[in-house]
């Protein structure tokens, strides 16, 4: 293991490879807005939510406002900023990330609105923009990973996530083509590919890989053991390959069971490394953001148990909706929002430090009261949705969505206050002695 001082080396390296603040902040700001819109979309979708199992409508729109609007939007912003630091090379073609945003933002808006209203032409037009944006992002990601010079575990996760992204784009194109009346793949096959590659694959692998940067950095901890991190990545990749073969129709149940076993081993090893990092960290009080991160880790384990129940066709009413809630809302959304609350003040502080003046600390930039309110709403809304599914109650779903919307407003308040403090005058640095 490397000493905790490596966190300082990481920060020094990061300052020399920062993108202009407007680039990552526009992705993160859009994610905050889409997070609020996702909860609002659940209000008209509350009636169909408890037994949602696919199909156009507001539950599907809310799901993709989370996946495309919050998770992928945040993943693009974080990876464009963090991976150049991890791979020890500057960002190439700095105008390309802005182009990704201008294509992706209206694309997500059109896709989700088309899903909610059942307007397949609007859905198709938005899908074209999303596919173009993510193809350009995949090219940027590949260019960065190709010249990588450090953090091999992070790089391996990045390459595997990129491969999964290509599979996600293909399966998504097949699903959209089906809604438009064309056939690229049978719908069941496309869905069987899309779900694991999008959640456990692209977003999951990025979350696991970037955790090896973010958790030690925020906790001021030792760097996780590289060999064990690579072992975890290998197990996860093997599990995803088996899931892909099962989706293609090759021994579906046995391969899915084996894939879940490999995934459980990968996650167990990863979580052990994360716990070791937190225990070795010099910073123990990590605030409400890491309450969400710890919740996410628990939901990741639970999602595997529910996936097993799906494979074994357990006779539980609402199981597909509950699995989607735990996987997307409990694991991925909780993790991304928890990390976002740490990344944003940290990133702004680093940008202000480059102006030759005494920059405010991340804690001084953080409006803690908004984060506490958001965490409380998030921790109430998720169980509320679970109860709505369990009792087949649209009323409970409506109440949970309302609480979640209040949390979305609180997160937006945190972001607006951060921007206000970012633009506030900073004190001049004291002259050298």
Protein backbone atom coordinates (compact mmCIF):
# COMPACT_ATOMS: atom_id res chain seq x y z
CA UNK A 1 0.00 0.00 0.00
CA UNK A 2 1.08 3.54 -0.73
CA UNK A 3 1.28 6.07 2.09
CA UNK A 4 -1.53 8.49 2.73
CA UNK A 5 0.72 11.26 1.48
CA UNK A 6 -0.10 10.05 -2.02
CA UNK A 7 -3.36 11.99 -1.68
CA UNK A 8 -1.33 15.18 -1.65
CA UNK A 9 0.62 14.06 -4.72
CA UNK A 10 -2.68 13.31 -6.42
CA UNK A 11 -3.98 16.82 -5.68
CA UNK A 12 -0.81 18.45 -6.96
CA UNK A 13 -1.11 16.44 -10.17
CA UNK A 14 -4.81 17.27 -10.45
CA UNK A 15 -4.24 21.03 -10.43
CA UNK A 16 -2.07 20.84 -13.53
CA UNK A 17 -4.73 18.91 -15.48
CA UNK A 18 -7.92 20.74 -14.58
CA UNK A 19 -10.43 21.43 -17.32
CA UNK A 20 -12.01 24.89 -17.39
CA UNK A 21 -14.51 24.95 -14.54
CA UNK A 22 -17.41 25.53 -16.93
CA UNK A 23 -17.00 22.08 -18.50
CA UNK A 24 -17.47 19.72 -15.54
CA UNK A 25 -19.86 22.15 -13.79
CA UNK A 26 -22.25 22.17 -16.74
CA UNK A 27 -22.49 18.36 -16.62
CA UNK A 28 -22.94 18.30 -12.85
CA UNK A 29 -25.45 21.16 -12.94
CA UNK A 30 -27.52 19.36 -15.58
CA UNK A 31 -27.46 16.22 -13.42
CA UNK A 32 -28.87 18.21 -10.49
CA UNK A 33 -31.72 19.52 -12.68
CA UNK A 34 -32.52 16.10 -14.13
CA UNK A 35 -32.56 14.66 -10.60
CA UNK A 36 -35.37 17.02 -9.67
CA UNK A 37 -37.21 16.32 -12.94
CA UNK A 38 -37.02 12.57 -12.30
CA UNK A 39 -38.94 12.91 -9.05
CA UNK A 40 -41.45 15.22 -10.71
CA UNK A 41 -41.97 12.67 -13.50
CA UNK A 42 -42.95 10.10 -10.88
CA UNK A 43 -45.93 12.24 -9.83
CA UNK A 44 -48.00 11.49 -12.97
CA UNK A 45 -46.42 8.03 -13.08
CA UNK A 46 -47.38 7.03 -9.52
CA UNK A 47 -50.40 5.01 -10.69
CA UNK A 48 -48.30 2.70 -12.86
CA UNK A 49 -45.19 2.65 -10.66
CA UNK A 50 -45.91 -0.26 -8.25
CA UNK A 51 -46.22 -2.84 -11.05
CA UNK A 52 -43.96 -1.18 -13.61
CA UNK A 53 -42.25 -3.75 -15.84
CA UNK A 54 -41.22 -1.76 -18.89
CA UNK A 55 -43.15 0.06 -21.61
CA UNK A 56 -43.55 3.72 -22.48
CA UNK A 57 -44.94 6.04 -19.82
CA UNK A 58 -43.82 8.33 -16.99
CA UNK A 59 -42.22 5.56 -14.87
CA UNK A 60 -39.92 4.74 -17.80
CA UNK A 61 -39.26 8.45 -18.31
CA UNK A 62 -38.38 8.87 -14.62
CA UNK A 63 -36.06 5.86 -14.79
CA UNK A 64 -34.18 7.34 -17.75
CA UNK A 65 -34.09 10.81 -16.24
CA UNK A 66 -32.09 9.10 -13.50
CA UNK A 67 -29.96 6.81 -15.68
CA UNK A 68 -29.27 9.14 -18.61
CA UNK A 69 -29.87 12.48 -16.94
CA UNK A 70 -28.20 12.00 -13.56
CA UNK A 71 -25.95 8.95 -13.68
CA UNK A 72 -24.47 9.17 -17.16
CA UNK A 73 -24.36 12.99 -17.11
CA UNK A 74 -22.37 12.84 -13.85
CA UNK A 75 -20.20 10.00 -15.15
CA UNK A 76 -19.23 12.03 -18.21
CA UNK A 77 -18.34 15.08 -16.13
CA UNK A 78 -16.41 13.08 -13.52
CA UNK A 79 -14.50 10.90 -15.96
CA UNK A 80 -13.53 13.82 -18.20
CA UNK A 81 -12.00 15.54 -15.16
CA UNK A 82 -10.69 12.65 -13.04
CA UNK A 83 -9.35 10.16 -15.58
CA UNK A 84 -6.78 12.58 -17.08
CA UNK A 85 -5.43 12.99 -13.56
CA UNK A 86 -5.41 9.24 -12.92
CA UNK A 87 -3.72 8.51 -16.25
CA UNK A 88 -1.20 11.40 -15.92
CA UNK A 89 -1.95 13.15 -19.18
CA UNK A 90 -3.76 16.34 -20.19
CA UNK A 91 -7.19 16.40 -21.79
CA UNK A 92 -7.03 16.50 -25.56
CA UNK A 93 -9.49 18.50 -27.69
CA UNK A 94 -10.98 20.60 -24.90
CA UNK A 95 -13.83 21.78 -27.14
CA UNK A 96 -15.09 18.22 -27.60
CA UNK A 97 -16.52 17.89 -24.03
CA UNK A 98 -18.61 21.02 -24.61
CA UNK A 99 -19.90 19.51 -27.86
CA UNK A 100 -20.82 16.33 -25.98
CA UNK A 101 -22.89 18.43 -23.57
CA UNK A 102 -24.69 20.36 -26.32
CA UNK A 103 -25.66 17.12 -28.05
CA UNK A 104 -26.43 15.13 -24.92
CA UNK A 105 -28.56 17.60 -22.95
CA UNK A 106 -31.32 18.10 -25.57
CA UNK A 107 -31.06 14.42 -26.48
CA UNK A 108 -31.87 13.29 -22.94
CA UNK A 109 -34.68 15.84 -22.69
CA UNK A 110 -36.24 14.61 -25.95
CA UNK A 111 -35.84 10.91 -25.09
CA UNK A 112 -37.43 11.20 -21.67
CA UNK A 113 -40.24 13.50 -22.81
CA UNK A 114 -40.95 11.13 -25.70
CA UNK A 115 -41.09 8.21 -23.26
CA UNK A 116 -43.40 10.03 -20.86
CA UNK A 117 -45.83 11.24 -23.53
CA UNK A 118 -45.54 8.15 -25.73
CA UNK A 119 -44.28 10.21 -28.69
CA UNK A 120 -42.02 7.77 -30.52
CA UNK A 121 -40.81 10.26 -33.20
CA UNK A 122 -39.57 12.60 -30.43
CA UNK A 123 -38.03 9.61 -28.66
CA UNK A 124 -36.25 8.57 -31.85
CA UNK A 125 -34.90 12.08 -32.55
CA UNK A 126 -33.59 12.35 -28.99
CA UNK A 127 -32.02 8.90 -29.22
CA UNK A 128 -30.01 9.99 -32.27
CA UNK A 129 -28.57 12.94 -30.32
CA UNK A 130 -27.81 10.74 -27.29
CA UNK A 131 -26.08 8.13 -29.46
CA UNK A 132 -23.98 10.80 -31.18
CA UNK A 133 -23.01 12.39 -27.85
CA UNK A 134 -22.07 9.10 -26.20
CA UNK A 135 -20.13 7.96 -29.26
CA UNK A 136 -18.07 11.16 -29.07
CA UNK A 137 -17.63 10.63 -25.32
CA UNK A 138 -16.51 7.03 -25.96
CA UNK A 139 -13.88 8.35 -28.38
CA UNK A 140 -12.61 10.85 -25.79
CA UNK A 141 -12.54 8.16 -23.12
CA UNK A 142 -10.64 5.74 -25.36
CA UNK A 143 -8.10 8.41 -26.32
CA UNK A 144 -7.42 9.11 -22.66
CA UNK A 145 -7.17 5.47 -21.62
CA UNK A 146 -4.90 4.64 -24.55
CA UNK A 147 -2.15 6.89 -23.21
CA UNK A 148 -2.59 5.93 -19.55
CA UNK A 149 0.54 5.97 -17.39
CA UNK A 150 -0.77 5.26 -13.90
CA UNK A 151 -3.44 3.69 -11.70
CA UNK A 152 -3.82 0.41 -13.64
CA UNK A 153 -6.91 -0.72 -11.71
CA UNK A 154 -8.72 2.51 -12.59
CA UNK A 155 -7.66 2.13 -16.23
CA UNK A 156 -8.87 -1.48 -16.44
CA UNK A 157 -12.24 -0.45 -15.04
CA UNK A 158 -12.32 2.36 -17.60
CA UNK A 159 -11.64 0.08 -20.58
CA UNK A 160 -14.23 -2.42 -19.40
CA UNK A 161 -16.79 0.36 -18.85
CA UNK A 162 -16.07 1.62 -22.37
CA UNK A 163 -16.70 -1.84 -23.84
CA UNK A 164 -19.98 -2.04 -21.91
CA UNK A 165 -20.95 1.43 -23.17
CA UNK A 166 -20.65 0.23 -26.77
CA UNK A 167 -22.94 -2.69 -25.91
CA UNK A 168 -25.38 -0.30 -24.23
CA UNK A 169 -25.49 1.93 -27.31
CA UNK A 170 -26.20 -1.06 -29.58
CA UNK A 171 -28.93 -2.49 -27.34
CA UNK A 172 -30.49 0.95 -26.82
CA UNK A 173 -30.58 1.51 -30.58
CA UNK A 174 -32.32 -1.86 -30.96
CA UNK A 175 -34.93 -0.96 -28.32
CA UNK A 176 -35.65 2.45 -29.86
CA UNK A 177 -35.84 0.88 -33.33
CA UNK A 178 -38.44 -1.54 -31.97
CA UNK A 179 -40.61 1.33 -30.71
CA UNK A 180 -40.32 2.93 -34.17
CA UNK A 181 -41.42 -0.28 -35.89
CA UNK A 182 -38.05 -1.67 -36.99
CA UNK A 183 -36.29 -4.80 -35.77
CA UNK A 184 -32.57 -4.95 -35.03
CA UNK A 185 -32.78 -7.46 -32.18
CA UNK A 186 -35.64 -9.29 -30.51
CA UNK A 187 -36.92 -7.04 -27.71
CA UNK A 188 -36.25 -9.63 -25.00
CA UNK A 189 -32.64 -10.05 -26.15
CA UNK A 190 -32.07 -6.29 -26.34
CA UNK A 191 -33.47 -5.83 -22.82
CA UNK A 192 -31.41 -8.72 -21.46
CA UNK A 193 -28.27 -7.02 -22.84
CA UNK A 194 -29.22 -3.45 -21.96
CA UNK A 195 -29.96 -3.86 -18.25
CA UNK A 196 -26.74 -5.53 -17.01
CA UNK A 197 -24.44 -3.66 -19.41
CA UNK A 198 -25.89 -0.25 -18.50
CA UNK A 199 -26.13 -0.69 -14.72
CA UNK A 200 -23.59 -3.26 -13.54
CA UNK A 201 -21.44 -2.68 -16.63
CA UNK A 202 -20.92 0.89 -17.78
CA UNK A 203 -22.09 2.81 -14.71
CA UNK A 204 -21.15 0.12 -12.20
CA UNK A 205 -17.59 -0.33 -13.44
CA UNK A 206 -17.03 3.43 -13.62
CA UNK A 207 -18.33 3.80 -10.06
CA UNK A 208 -16.07 1.01 -8.79
CA UNK A 209 -13.03 2.28 -10.68
CA UNK A 210 -13.38 5.94 -9.70
CA UNK A 211 -13.91 4.85 -6.08
CA UNK A 212 -10.23 3.92 -5.97
CA UNK A 213 -9.49 7.61 -6.55
CA UNK A 214 -12.31 9.32 -4.67
CA UNK A 215 -12.68 7.37 -1.43
CA UNK A 216 -8.98 7.54 -0.40
CA UNK A 217 -8.80 11.17 -1.52
CA UNK A 218 -11.78 12.35 0.52
CA UNK A 219 -10.95 10.18 3.55
CA UNK A 220 -7.20 11.05 3.39
CA UNK A 221 -6.53 7.31 3.38
CA UNK A 222 -4.01 4.84 2.06
CA UNK A 223 -4.39 3.82 -1.56
CA UNK A 224 -6.21 0.46 -1.90
CA UNK A 225 -4.06 -2.51 -2.82
CA UNK A 226 -3.66 -2.49 -6.61
CA UNK A 227 -3.46 -6.27 -6.96
CA UNK A 228 -6.73 -6.86 -5.13
CA UNK A 229 -8.43 -4.07 -7.06
CA UNK A 230 -7.39 -5.75 -10.32
CA UNK A 231 -8.71 -9.08 -9.03
CA UNK A 232 -12.06 -7.46 -8.27
CA UNK A 233 -12.16 -5.95 -11.76
CA UNK A 234 -11.36 -9.31 -13.37
CA UNK A 235 -14.18 -11.04 -11.50
CA UNK A 236 -16.66 -8.30 -12.42
CA UNK A 237 -15.67 -8.37 -16.10
CA UNK A 238 -15.97 -12.17 -16.23
CA UNK A 239 -19.44 -11.94 -14.71
CA UNK A 240 -20.54 -9.37 -17.29
CA UNK A 241 -19.23 -11.53 -20.15
CA UNK A 242 -21.30 -14.45 -18.86
CA UNK A 243 -24.35 -12.20 -18.51
CA UNK A 244 -23.90 -11.14 -22.14
CA UNK A 245 -23.70 -14.76 -23.29
CA UNK A 246 -26.84 -15.56 -21.30
CA UNK A 247 -28.64 -12.63 -22.96
CA UNK A 248 -27.72 -14.12 -26.33
CA UNK A 249 -29.55 -17.32 -25.33
CA UNK A 250 -26.62 -19.53 -24.32
CA UNK A 251 -27.67 -21.49 -21.18
CA UNK A 252 -29.40 -18.42 -19.70
CA UNK A 253 -30.12 -19.59 -16.16
CA UNK A 254 -26.83 -21.40 -15.37
CA UNK A 255 -24.72 -18.59 -16.86
CA UNK A 256 -26.70 -15.91 -15.04
CA UNK A 257 -26.27 -17.76 -11.75
CA UNK A 258 -22.54 -18.06 -12.37
CA UNK A 259 -22.38 -14.38 -13.38
CA UNK A 260 -24.06 -13.39 -10.12
CA UNK A 261 -21.58 -15.50 -8.16
CA UNK A 262 -18.63 -13.80 -9.85
CA UNK A 263 -20.25 -10.41 -9.36
CA UNK A 264 -20.77 -11.10 -5.66
CA UNK A 265 -17.11 -12.07 -5.27
CA UNK A 266 -16.00 -8.91 -7.11
CA UNK A 267 -18.20 -6.67 -5.00
CA UNK A 268 -17.18 -8.36 -1.76
CA UNK A 269 -13.51 -7.75 -2.54
CA UNK A 270 -14.17 -4.16 -3.62
CA UNK A 271 -16.15 -3.33 -0.50
CA UNK A 272 -13.44 -4.80 1.72
CA UNK A 273 -10.93 -2.44 0.07
CA UNK A 274 -13.30 0.49 0.59
CA UNK A 275 -13.81 -0.33 4.28
CA UNK A 276 -10.03 -0.61 4.74
CA UNK A 277 -9.58 2.80 3.09
CA UNK A 278 -12.15 4.43 5.37
CA UNK A 279 -10.68 2.84 8.49
CA UNK A 280 -7.17 3.98 7.57
CA UNK A 281 -8.29 7.51 6.72
CA UNK A 282 -7.26 10.53 8.74
CA UNK A 283 -10.61 12.20 8.06
CA UNK A 284 -13.38 10.32 9.86
CA UNK A 285 -16.26 12.83 9.68
CA UNK A 286 -17.35 12.71 6.05
CA UNK A 287 -20.80 14.23 6.48
CA UNK A 288 -24.16 13.34 4.90
CA UNK A 289 -22.54 12.62 1.54
CA UNK A 290 -20.92 9.44 2.82
CA UNK A 291 -24.15 8.40 4.51
CA UNK A 292 -25.45 8.10 0.95
CA UNK A 293 -22.30 6.30 -0.20
CA UNK A 294 -22.57 3.72 2.58
CA UNK A 295 -26.26 3.28 1.77
CA UNK A 296 -25.30 2.71 -1.86
CA UNK A 297 -22.87 -0.06 -0.94
CA UNK A 298 -25.59 -1.83 1.05
CA UNK A 299 -28.05 -1.47 -1.84
CA UNK A 300 -25.48 -2.89 -4.24
CA UNK A 301 -25.36 -6.08 -2.20
CA UNK A 302 -29.17 -6.16 -1.97
CA UNK A 303 -29.47 -5.69 -5.74
CA UNK A 304 -27.55 -8.93 -6.29
CA UNK A 305 -29.94 -10.78 -3.97
CA UNK A 306 -32.93 -9.41 -5.91
CA UNK A 307 -31.25 -10.28 -9.20
CA UNK A 308 -30.92 -13.84 -7.92
CA UNK A 309 -34.64 -13.85 -7.08
CA UNK A 310 -35.39 -12.71 -10.65
CA UNK A 311 -33.22 -15.43 -12.18
CA UNK A 312 -34.92 -18.05 -10.01
CA UNK A 313 -38.33 -16.54 -10.89
CA UNK A 314 -39.35 -16.02 -7.28
CA UNK A 315 -43.13 -15.47 -7.00
CA UNK A 316 -42.90 -11.96 -5.55
CA UNK A 317 -45.34 -9.33 -6.82
CA UNK A 318 -43.60 -6.19 -8.05
CA UNK A 319 -40.16 -7.84 -8.06
CA UNK A 320 -38.98 -6.21 -11.34
CA UNK A 321 -39.94 -2.74 -10.09
CA UNK A 322 -38.32 -3.36 -6.70
CA UNK A 323 -35.12 -4.60 -8.37
CA UNK A 324 -34.98 -1.48 -10.57
CA UNK A 325 -35.52 0.74 -7.52
CA UNK A 326 -32.77 -0.91 -5.47
CA UNK A 327 -30.29 -1.11 -8.34
CA UNK A 328 -30.79 2.33 -9.89
CA UNK A 329 -32.13 4.40 -7.01
CA UNK A 330 -30.58 2.63 -4.05
CA UNK A 331 -27.13 1.78 -5.43
CA UNK A 332 -26.20 3.98 -8.38
CA UNK A 333 -28.16 7.15 -7.60
CA UNK A 334 -27.19 7.17 -3.92
CA UNK A 335 -23.53 6.63 -4.80
CA UNK A 336 -23.42 9.29 -7.53
CA UNK A 337 -25.23 11.91 -5.45
CA UNK A 338 -23.04 11.20 -2.42
CA UNK A 339 -19.86 11.60 -4.45
CA UNK A 340 -21.20 14.60 -6.33
CA UNK A 341 -21.70 16.44 -3.04
CA UNK A 342 -17.99 15.94 -2.32
CA UNK A 343 -16.64 16.47 -5.82
CA UNK A 344 -18.34 19.81 -6.48
CA UNK A 345 -16.92 21.86 -3.55
CA UNK A 346 -13.54 20.15 -3.94
CA UNK A 347 -13.39 20.99 -7.65
CA UNK A 348 -14.47 24.60 -7.14
CA UNK A 349 -11.89 25.05 -4.36
CA UNK A 350 -9.12 23.77 -6.64
CA UNK A 351 -10.13 26.17 -9.41
CA UNK A 352 -10.18 29.12 -7.03
CA UNK A 353 -6.76 28.11 -5.65
CA UNK A 354 -5.27 28.64 -9.09
CA UNK A 355 -5.96 32.38 -9.03
CA UNK A 356 -3.09 33.37 -6.77
CA UNK A 357 -5.45 34.18 -3.90
CA UNK A 358 -6.46 32.36 -0.75
CA UNK A 359 -9.25 30.08 -1.92
CA UNK A 360 -12.07 28.94 0.38
CA UNK A 361 -11.88 25.35 1.57
CA UNK A 362 -14.39 22.78 0.28
CA UNK A 363 -16.16 22.87 3.65
CA UNK A 364 -16.51 26.66 3.40
CA UNK A 365 -18.10 26.23 -0.02
CA UNK A 366 -20.57 23.58 1.20
CA UNK A 367 -24.05 24.59 2.33
CA UNK A 368 -24.43 21.73 4.80
CA UNK A 369 -28.07 22.44 5.67
CA UNK A 370 -29.16 21.74 2.09
CA UNK A 371 -27.27 18.43 2.07
CA UNK A 372 -28.79 17.34 5.38
CA UNK A 373 -32.29 18.08 4.04
CA UNK A 374 -31.54 16.24 0.81
CA UNK A 375 -30.18 13.19 2.64
CA UNK A 376 -33.24 13.01 4.89
CA UNK A 377 -35.61 13.23 1.91
CA UNK A 378 -33.61 10.64 -0.03
CA UNK A 379 -33.61 8.26 2.93
CA UNK A 380 -37.39 8.65 3.25
CA UNK A 381 -38.29 8.57 -0.45
CA UNK A 382 -36.55 5.29 -1.32
CA UNK A 383 -38.26 3.20 1.42
CA UNK A 384 -41.50 5.00 0.52
CA UNK A 385 -41.22 3.79 -3.06
CA UNK A 386 -40.38 0.29 -1.83
CA UNK A 387 -43.52 0.29 0.31
CA UNK A 388 -45.56 1.54 -2.64
CA UNK A 389 -44.32 -1.41 -4.67
CA UNK A 390 -44.83 -3.90 -1.85
CA UNK A 391 -48.40 -2.78 -1.09
CA UNK A 392 -49.26 -1.91 -4.72
CA UNK A 393 -50.16 1.58 -3.52
CA UNK A 394 -50.09 4.55 -5.94
CA UNK A 395 -50.85 6.84 -2.97
CA UNK A 396 -47.63 5.79 -1.22
CA UNK A 397 -45.79 6.22 -4.52
CA UNK A 398 -47.18 9.74 -4.88
CA UNK A 399 -46.15 10.64 -1.32
CA UNK A 400 -42.65 9.21 -1.81
CA UNK A 401 -42.22 11.09 -5.10
CA UNK A 402 -43.25 14.32 -3.36
CA UNK A 403 -40.65 13.80 -0.64
CA UNK A 404 -38.07 12.95 -3.30
CA UNK A 405 -38.96 16.14 -5.16
CA UNK A 406 -38.33 18.13 -1.98
CA UNK A 407 -34.93 16.46 -1.79
CA UNK A 408 -34.32 17.39 -5.41
CA UNK A 409 -35.03 21.03 -4.56
CA UNK A 410 -32.62 20.81 -1.62
CA UNK A 411 -29.87 19.44 -3.88
CA UNK A 412 -30.52 22.26 -6.33
CA UNK A 413 -30.27 24.72 -3.44
CA UNK A 414 -26.88 23.27 -2.52
CA UNK A 415 -25.65 23.70 -6.12
CA UNK A 416 -26.94 27.28 -6.44
CA UNK A 417 -25.35 28.23 -3.11
CA UNK A 418 -22.07 26.67 -4.25
CA UNK A 419 -22.08 28.81 -7.39
CA UNK A 420 -22.87 31.89 -5.31
CA UNK A 421 -19.96 31.23 -2.97
CA UNK A 422 -17.73 30.46 -5.94
CA UNK A 423 -18.37 33.93 -7.35
CA UNK A 424 -17.94 35.69 -4.01
CA UNK A 425 -14.71 37.70 -3.58
CA UNK A 426 -11.86 35.74 -2.03
CA UNK A 427 -9.29 37.04 0.40
CA UNK A 428 -5.82 37.86 -0.97
CA UNK A 429 -3.05 35.52 -0.04
CA UNK A 430 -0.84 36.81 2.78
CA UNK A 431 2.55 38.06 1.53
CA UNK A 432 5.51 35.77 1.99
CA UNK A 433 7.72 36.43 5.00
